[in-house]
Amino acid sequence: MLEQILKGGSMMWPLMALSFVALAVVYERWVAFRANRKIDTPAMRAKIIACLRAGDPNGAIAVCAATGGPVASVLLVGLRSYIQLRDKKENAETMRMVVGQVMEDYSAQAMGVVNKRLDVLTTVGTAAPLFGMTGTVTGMITSFAGMAAAGSSGSGGGAVANGIAEALITTAAGLLIALMAVIPQSVFNRWSDEIELQIEEGSADVLEFILTHH
């Protein structure tokens, strides 16, 4: 393996660095998404609404705090705002507008945490093939230099072979590293969209309760 890497020339070092970065980000994000996907969001939403209908918003807050995760954190902020407005005797429409805006603003922050470092995978997916193509160019330069030497001296076949090997290895490495970043990113983006939808559904549950019970 090390021999093949060394045959790839100098471009293999930035490619290896990109691969390590991609692996670190993929592992960290996978752990975070896996923990979130273990949360039973529908059950949490049902408990929250049950507490609200029972006149126990503090119980709903306790459910959010105990559950954790981006969906629970957004609903927690909305419920706290709801309690403050309810204590001030605000009307239902005012509470709906304010609570809705609070949850919308906080959901942007929550999704920022969910999507943290996914842009790194985009960078790796873009940069790795470019480094591979650069290695292809340098490898072909080495091959042509070897061919020129062979033409004048009758030797140089080894240099030609080394140049071709460098070109092929760096191209393959660049494409493989890009795939290693792009495929997990696609999965993470889908999971991120699911979380965003869950936030919207949970927020809608809270706002509907405010409108129908005040």
C-alpha atoms as a PDB file:
ATOM      1  CA  MET A   1       0.000   0.000   0.000  1.00  0.00           C
ATOM      2  CA  LEU A   2       2.764   2.422   0.962  1.00  0.00           C
ATOM      3  CA  GLU A   3       4.618   1.531  -2.216  1.00  0.00           C
ATOM      4  CA  GLN A   4       1.585   2.434  -4.319  1.00  0.00           C
ATOM      5  CA  ILE A   5       1.208   5.732  -2.465  1.00  0.00           C
ATOM      6  CA  LEU A   6       4.854   6.600  -3.086  1.00  0.00           C
ATOM      7  CA  LYS A   7       4.414   5.797  -6.785  1.00  0.00           C
ATOM      8  CA  GLY A   8       1.689   8.426  -6.908  1.00  0.00           C
ATOM      9  CA  GLY A   9       4.204  11.199  -6.434  1.00  0.00           C
ATOM     10  CA  SER A  10       3.952  14.400  -4.418  1.00  0.00           C
ATOM     11  CA  MET A  11       0.222  14.890  -5.081  1.00  0.00           C
ATOM     12  CA  MET A  12      -0.532  11.848  -2.937  1.00  0.00           C
ATOM     13  CA  TRP A  13       0.336  13.742   0.248  1.00  0.00           C
ATOM     14  CA  PRO A  14      -2.422  16.375  -0.019  1.00  0.00           C
ATOM     15  CA  LEU A  15      -4.758  13.603  -1.185  1.00  0.00           C
ATOM     16  CA  MET A  16      -3.960  11.563   1.920  1.00  0.00           C
ATOM     17  CA  ALA A  17      -4.511  14.654   4.085  1.00  0.00           C
ATOM     18  CA  LEU A  18      -7.916  15.179   2.471  1.00  0.00           C
ATOM     19  CA  SER A  19      -8.817  11.543   3.069  1.00  0.00           C
ATOM     20  CA  PHE A  20      -8.005  11.826   6.792  1.00  0.00           C
ATOM     21  CA  VAL A  21     -10.059  15.022   7.087  1.00  0.00           C
ATOM     22  CA  ALA A  22     -13.006  13.419   5.288  1.00  0.00           C
ATOM     23  CA  LEU A  23     -12.867  10.303   7.475  1.00  0.00           C
ATOM     24  CA  ALA A  24     -12.782  12.401  10.662  1.00  0.00           C
ATOM     25  CA  VAL A  25     -15.768  14.515   9.600  1.00  0.00           C
ATOM     26  CA  VAL A  26     -17.761  11.527   8.355  1.00  0.00           C
ATOM     27  CA  TYR A  27     -17.224   9.671  11.635  1.00  0.00           C
ATOM     28  CA  GLU A  28     -18.078  12.691  13.815  1.00  0.00           C
ATOM     29  CA  ARG A  29     -21.237  13.533  11.852  1.00  0.00           C
ATOM     30  CA  TRP A  30     -22.304   9.884  11.697  1.00  0.00           C
ATOM     31  CA  VAL A  31     -22.106   9.616  15.492  1.00  0.00           C
ATOM     32  CA  ALA A  32     -24.142  12.827  15.888  1.00  0.00           C
ATOM     33  CA  PHE A  33     -26.827  11.841  13.364  1.00  0.00           C
ATOM     34  CA  ARG A  34     -27.014   8.300  14.746  1.00  0.00           C
ATOM     35  CA  ALA A  35     -27.691   9.646  18.238  1.00  0.00           C
ATOM     36  CA  ASN A  36     -30.416  11.930  16.916  1.00  0.00           C
ATOM     37  CA  ARG A  37     -32.083   9.170  14.883  1.00  0.00           C
ATOM     38  CA  LYS A  38     -32.493   7.130  18.072  1.00  0.00           C
ATOM     39  CA  ILE A  39     -34.857   9.810  19.427  1.00  0.00           C
ATOM     40  CA  ASP A  40     -38.539   8.932  19.097  1.00  0.00           C
ATOM     41  CA  THR A  41     -39.677  12.349  17.892  1.00  0.00           C
ATOM     42  CA  PRO A  42     -43.368  11.444  17.300  1.00  0.00           C
ATOM     43  CA  ALA A  43     -43.614  10.090  20.863  1.00  0.00           C
ATOM     44  CA  MET A  44     -41.999  13.251  22.222  1.00  0.00           C
ATOM     45  CA  ARG A  45     -44.443  15.454  20.319  1.00  0.00           C
ATOM     46  CA  ALA A  46     -47.384  13.423  21.622  1.00  0.00           C
ATOM     47  CA  LYS A  47     -46.166  13.798  25.215  1.00  0.00           C
ATOM     48  CA  ILE A  48     -45.687  17.553  24.769  1.00  0.00           C
ATOM     49  CA  ILE A  49     -49.211  18.073  23.421  1.00  0.00           C
ATOM     50  CA  ALA A  50     -50.656  15.839  26.144  1.00  0.00           C
ATOM     51  CA  CYS A  51     -48.955  17.969  28.799  1.00  0.00           C
ATOM     52  CA  LEU A  52     -50.186  21.188  27.188  1.00  0.00           C
ATOM     53  CA  ARG A  53     -53.763  19.929  26.974  1.00  0.00           C
ATOM     54  CA  ALA A  54     -53.545  18.930  30.619  1.00  0.00           C
ATOM     55  CA  GLY A  55     -52.548  22.496  31.494  1.00  0.00           C
ATOM     56  CA  ASP A  56     -48.987  21.497  32.361  1.00  0.00           C
ATOM     57  CA  PRO A  57     -46.605  23.457  30.082  1.00  0.00           C
ATOM     58  CA  ASN A  58     -43.801  22.941  32.591  1.00  0.00           C
ATOM     59  CA  GLY A  59     -44.241  19.220  32.094  1.00  0.00           C
ATOM     60  CA  ALA A  60     -43.916  19.745  28.333  1.00  0.00           C
ATOM     61  CA  ILE A  61     -40.699  21.672  28.953  1.00  0.00           C
ATOM     62  CA  ALA A  62     -39.418  18.811  31.099  1.00  0.00           C
ATOM     63  CA  VAL A  63     -40.128  16.368  28.239  1.00  0.00           C
ATOM     64  CA  CYS A  64     -38.070  18.527  25.833  1.00  0.00           C
ATOM     65  CA  ALA A  65     -35.214  18.887  28.311  1.00  0.00           C
ATOM     66  CA  ALA A  66     -35.121  15.147  28.964  1.00  0.00           C
ATOM     67  CA  THR A  67     -35.247  14.229  25.272  1.00  0.00           C
ATOM     68  CA  GLY A  68     -32.571  16.530  23.864  1.00  0.00           C
ATOM     69  CA  GLY A  69     -31.683  16.956  20.212  1.00  0.00           C
ATOM     70  CA  PRO A  70     -32.413  19.742  17.722  1.00  0.00           C
ATOM     71  CA  VAL A  71     -36.192  19.183  17.536  1.00  0.00           C
ATOM     72  CA  ALA A  72     -36.585  19.205  21.304  1.00  0.00           C
ATOM     73  CA  SER A  73     -34.381  22.293  21.662  1.00  0.00           C
ATOM     74  CA  VAL A  74     -36.519  24.292  19.218  1.00  0.00           C
ATOM     75  CA  LEU A  75     -39.762  23.265  20.917  1.00  0.00           C
ATOM     76  CA  LEU A  76     -38.228  24.034  24.303  1.00  0.00           C
ATOM     77  CA  VAL A  77     -37.526  27.616  23.277  1.00  0.00           C
ATOM     78  CA  GLY A  78     -41.056  27.975  21.911  1.00  0.00           C
ATOM     79  CA  LEU A  79     -42.665  26.582  25.058  1.00  0.00           C
ATOM     80  CA  ARG A  80     -40.713  28.912  27.315  1.00  0.00           C
ATOM     81  CA  SER A  81     -41.810  31.851  25.212  1.00  0.00           C
ATOM     82  CA  TYR A  82     -45.395  30.575  25.358  1.00  0.00           C
ATOM     83  CA  ILE A  83     -45.357  30.441  29.167  1.00  0.00           C
ATOM     84  CA  GLN A  84     -44.034  34.005  29.406  1.00  0.00           C
ATOM     85  CA  LEU A  85     -46.701  35.318  27.035  1.00  0.00           C
ATOM     86  CA  ARG A  86     -49.451  33.337  28.749  1.00  0.00           C
ATOM     87  CA  ASP A  87     -48.483  34.786  32.117  1.00  0.00           C
ATOM     88  CA  LYS A  88     -48.754  38.270  30.563  1.00  0.00           C
ATOM     89  CA  LYS A  89     -52.307  37.425  29.390  1.00  0.00           C
ATOM     90  CA  GLU A  90     -51.478  37.975  25.714  1.00  0.00           C
ATOM     91  CA  ASN A  91     -54.118  36.982  23.168  1.00  0.00           C
ATOM     92  CA  ALA A  92     -53.844  33.815  21.091  1.00  0.00           C
ATOM     93  CA  GLU A  93     -52.852  35.527  17.844  1.00  0.00           C
ATOM     94  CA  THR A  94     -50.044  37.466  19.502  1.00  0.00           C
ATOM     95  CA  MET A  95     -48.783  34.322  21.206  1.00  0.00           C
ATOM     96  CA  ARG A  96     -48.897  32.390  17.948  1.00  0.00           C
ATOM     97  CA  MET A  97     -46.933  35.051  16.067  1.00  0.00           C
ATOM     98  CA  VAL A  98     -44.307  35.549  18.751  1.00  0.00           C
ATOM     99  CA  VAL A  99     -43.839  31.860  19.578  1.00  0.00           C
ATOM    100  CA  GLY A 100     -43.734  30.988  15.887  1.00  0.00           C
ATOM    101  CA  GLN A 101     -41.073  33.618  15.212  1.00  0.00           C
ATOM    102  CA  VAL A 102     -39.011  32.517  18.211  1.00  0.00           C
ATOM    103  CA  MET A 103     -39.041  28.891  17.080  1.00  0.00           C
ATOM    104  CA  GLU A 104     -38.276  29.846  13.476  1.00  0.00           C
ATOM    105  CA  ASP A 105     -35.283  31.933  14.542  1.00  0.00           C
ATOM    106  CA  TYR A 106     -33.937  29.254  16.829  1.00  0.00           C
ATOM    107  CA  SER A 107     -34.483  26.490  14.262  1.00  0.00           C
ATOM    108  CA  ALA A 108     -31.953  28.243  12.006  1.00  0.00           C
ATOM    109  CA  GLN A 109     -29.371  27.931  14.789  1.00  0.00           C
ATOM    110  CA  ALA A 110     -30.330  24.320  15.480  1.00  0.00           C
ATOM    111  CA  MET A 111     -29.987  23.385  11.800  1.00  0.00           C
ATOM    112  CA  GLY A 112     -26.627  25.144  11.726  1.00  0.00           C
ATOM    113  CA  VAL A 113     -25.453  22.709  14.401  1.00  0.00           C
ATOM    114  CA  VAL A 114     -26.992  19.759  12.528  1.00  0.00           C
ATOM    115  CA  ASN A 115     -25.180  20.717   9.309  1.00  0.00           C
ATOM    116  CA  LYS A 116     -21.919  21.551  11.053  1.00  0.00           C
ATOM    117  CA  ARG A 117     -18.812  20.641   9.023  1.00  0.00           C
ATOM    118  CA  LEU A 118     -20.790  19.208   6.095  1.00  0.00           C
ATOM    119  CA  ASP A 119     -19.238  21.969   3.991  1.00  0.00           C
ATOM    120  CA  VAL A 120     -15.868  20.330   4.688  1.00  0.00           C
ATOM    121  CA  LEU A 121     -17.080  17.256   2.819  1.00  0.00           C
ATOM    122  CA  THR A 122     -18.120  19.484  -0.080  1.00  0.00           C
ATOM    123  CA  THR A 123     -14.615  20.950  -0.170  1.00  0.00           C
ATOM    124  CA  VAL A 124     -12.988  17.508  -0.089  1.00  0.00           C
ATOM    125  CA  GLY A 125     -15.315  16.225  -2.797  1.00  0.00           C
ATOM    126  CA  THR A 126     -14.337  19.156  -5.017  1.00  0.00           C
ATOM    127  CA  ALA A 127     -10.634  19.364  -4.211  1.00  0.00           C
ATOM    128  CA  ALA A 128      -9.696  15.674  -4.310  1.00  0.00           C
ATOM    129  CA  PRO A 129     -10.379  15.164  -8.050  1.00  0.00           C
ATOM    130  CA  LEU A 130      -8.505  18.396  -8.797  1.00  0.00           C
ATOM    131  CA  PHE A 131      -5.459  17.159  -6.910  1.00  0.00           C
ATOM    132  CA  GLY A 132      -5.819  13.859  -8.766  1.00  0.00           C
ATOM    133  CA  MET A 133      -5.925  15.677 -12.110  1.00  0.00           C
ATOM    134  CA  THR A 134      -2.856  17.686 -11.098  1.00  0.00           C
ATOM    135  CA  GLY A 135      -1.083  14.417 -10.341  1.00  0.00           C
ATOM    136  CA  THR A 136      -2.171  13.154 -13.760  1.00  0.00           C
ATOM    137  CA  VAL A 137      -0.575  16.175 -15.421  1.00  0.00           C
ATOM    138  CA  THR A 138       2.677  15.872 -13.471  1.00  0.00           C
ATOM    139  CA  GLY A 139       2.765  12.133 -14.213  1.00  0.00           C
ATOM    140  CA  MET A 140       2.328  12.744 -17.932  1.00  0.00           C
ATOM    141  CA  ILE A 141       5.076  15.363 -17.827  1.00  0.00           C
ATOM    142  CA  THR A 142       7.340  12.741 -16.263  1.00  0.00           C
ATOM    143  CA  SER A 143       6.329  10.235 -18.965  1.00  0.00           C
ATOM    144  CA  PHE A 144       7.028  12.655 -21.807  1.00  0.00           C
ATOM    145  CA  ALA A 145      10.358  13.567 -20.251  1.00  0.00           C
ATOM    146  CA  GLY A 146      11.181   9.856 -20.084  1.00  0.00           C
ATOM    147  CA  MET A 147      10.139   9.383 -23.702  1.00  0.00           C
ATOM    148  CA  ALA A 148      12.344  12.278 -24.730  1.00  0.00           C
ATOM    149  CA  ALA A 149      15.249  10.751 -22.860  1.00  0.00           C
ATOM    150  CA  ALA A 150      14.563   7.357 -24.447  1.00  0.00           C
ATOM    151  CA  GLY A 151      14.526   8.937 -27.887  1.00  0.00           C
ATOM    152  CA  SER A 152      17.952  10.434 -27.467  1.00  0.00           C
ATOM    153  CA  SER A 153      19.687   7.706 -25.499  1.00  0.00           C
ATOM    154  CA  GLY A 154      17.682   4.575 -26.168  1.00  0.00           C
ATOM    155  CA  SER A 155      16.734   4.198 -22.491  1.00  0.00           C
ATOM    156  CA  GLY A 156      14.248   5.817 -20.154  1.00  0.00           C
ATOM    157  CA  GLY A 157      11.501   3.213 -20.239  1.00  0.00           C
ATOM    158  CA  GLY A 158      11.459   3.156 -16.439  1.00  0.00           C
ATOM    159  CA  ALA A 159      10.808   6.889 -16.256  1.00  0.00           C
ATOM    160  CA  VAL A 160       7.926   6.518 -18.720  1.00  0.00           C
ATOM    161  CA  ALA A 161       6.396   3.721 -16.666  1.00  0.00           C
ATOM    162  CA  ASN A 162       6.810   5.669 -13.410  1.00  0.00           C
ATOM    163  CA  GLY A 163       5.170   8.717 -14.931  1.00  0.00           C
ATOM    164  CA  ILE A 164       2.190   6.706 -16.165  1.00  0.00           C
ATOM    165  CA  ALA A 165       1.873   5.014 -12.768  1.00  0.00           C
ATOM    166  CA  GLU A 166       1.895   8.405 -11.035  1.00  0.00           C
ATOM    167  CA  ALA A 167      -0.823   9.676 -13.374  1.00  0.00           C
ATOM    168  CA  LEU A 168      -3.090   6.669 -12.869  1.00  0.00           C
ATOM    169  CA  ILE A 169      -2.602   6.352  -9.104  1.00  0.00           C
ATOM    170  CA  THR A 170      -3.314  10.010  -8.340  1.00  0.00           C
ATOM    171  CA  THR A 171      -6.357  10.030 -10.612  1.00  0.00           C
ATOM    172  CA  ALA A 172      -7.793   6.927  -8.955  1.00  0.00           C
ATOM    173  CA  ALA A 173      -6.989   8.222  -5.459  1.00  0.00           C
ATOM    174  CA  GLY A 174      -8.601  11.589  -6.137  1.00  0.00           C
ATOM    175  CA  LEU A 175     -11.811   9.983  -7.396  1.00  0.00           C
ATOM    176  CA  LEU A 176     -12.004   7.491  -4.525  1.00  0.00           C
ATOM    177  CA  ILE A 177     -11.466  10.178  -1.885  1.00  0.00           C
ATOM    178  CA  ALA A 178     -14.101  12.374  -3.531  1.00  0.00           C
ATOM    179  CA  LEU A 179     -16.582   9.477  -3.422  1.00  0.00           C
ATOM    180  CA  MET A 180     -15.673   8.867   0.214  1.00  0.00           C
ATOM    181  CA  ALA A 181     -16.794  12.435   0.972  1.00  0.00           C
ATOM    182  CA  VAL A 182     -19.691  12.926  -1.456  1.00  0.00           C
ATOM    183  CA  ILE A 183     -21.641   9.738  -0.713  1.00  0.00           C
ATOM    184  CA  PRO A 184     -21.789  10.218   3.088  1.00  0.00           C
ATOM    185  CA  GLN A 185     -22.603  13.890   2.567  1.00  0.00           C
ATOM    186  CA  SER A 186     -25.596  12.931   0.443  1.00  0.00           C
ATOM    187  CA  VAL A 187     -26.851  10.641   3.213  1.00  0.00           C
ATOM    188  CA  PHE A 188     -26.259  13.307   5.871  1.00  0.00           C
ATOM    189  CA  ASN A 189     -28.136  15.893   3.795  1.00  0.00           C
ATOM    190  CA  ARG A 190     -31.131  13.571   3.595  1.00  0.00           C
ATOM    191  CA  TRP A 191     -31.056  13.033   7.352  1.00  0.00           C
ATOM    192  CA  SER A 192     -30.737  16.793   7.852  1.00  0.00           C
ATOM    193  CA  ASP A 193     -33.837  17.365   5.737  1.00  0.00           C
ATOM    194  CA  GLU A 194     -35.714  14.861   7.903  1.00  0.00           C
ATOM    195  CA  ILE A 195     -34.728  16.758  11.053  1.00  0.00           C
ATOM    196  CA  GLU A 196     -35.825  20.056   9.528  1.00  0.00           C
ATOM    197  CA  LEU A 197     -39.203  18.532   8.649  1.00  0.00           C
ATOM    198  CA  GLN A 198     -39.575  17.206  12.204  1.00  0.00           C
ATOM    199  CA  ILE A 199     -38.864  20.688  13.563  1.00  0.00           C
ATOM    200  CA  GLU A 200     -41.540  22.167  11.306  1.00  0.00           C
ATOM    201  CA  GLU A 201     -44.072  19.523  12.334  1.00  0.00           C
ATOM    202  CA  GLY A 202     -43.338  19.951  16.030  1.00  0.00           C
ATOM    203  CA  SER A 203     -43.582  23.734  15.759  1.00  0.00           C
ATOM    204  CA  ALA A 204     -46.894  23.394  13.946  1.00  0.00           C
ATOM    205  CA  ASP A 205     -48.228  21.208  16.795  1.00  0.00           C
ATOM    206  CA  VAL A 206     -47.385  23.876  19.388  1.00  0.00           C
ATOM    207  CA  LEU A 207     -48.829  26.726  17.321  1.00  0.00           C
ATOM    208  CA  GLU A 208     -52.011  24.798  16.622  1.00  0.00           C
ATOM    209  CA  PHE A 209     -52.458  24.188  20.338  1.00  0.00           C
ATOM    210  CA  ILE A 210     -52.072  27.907  21.052  1.00  0.00           C
ATOM    211  CA  LEU A 211     -54.697  28.851  18.476  1.00  0.00           C
ATOM    212  CA  THR A 212     -57.230  26.205  19.476  1.00  0.00           C
ATOM    213  CA  HIS A 213     -56.903  26.441  23.260  1.00  0.00           C
ATOM    214  CA  HIS A 214     -56.669  30.199  23.834  1.00  0.00           C
END
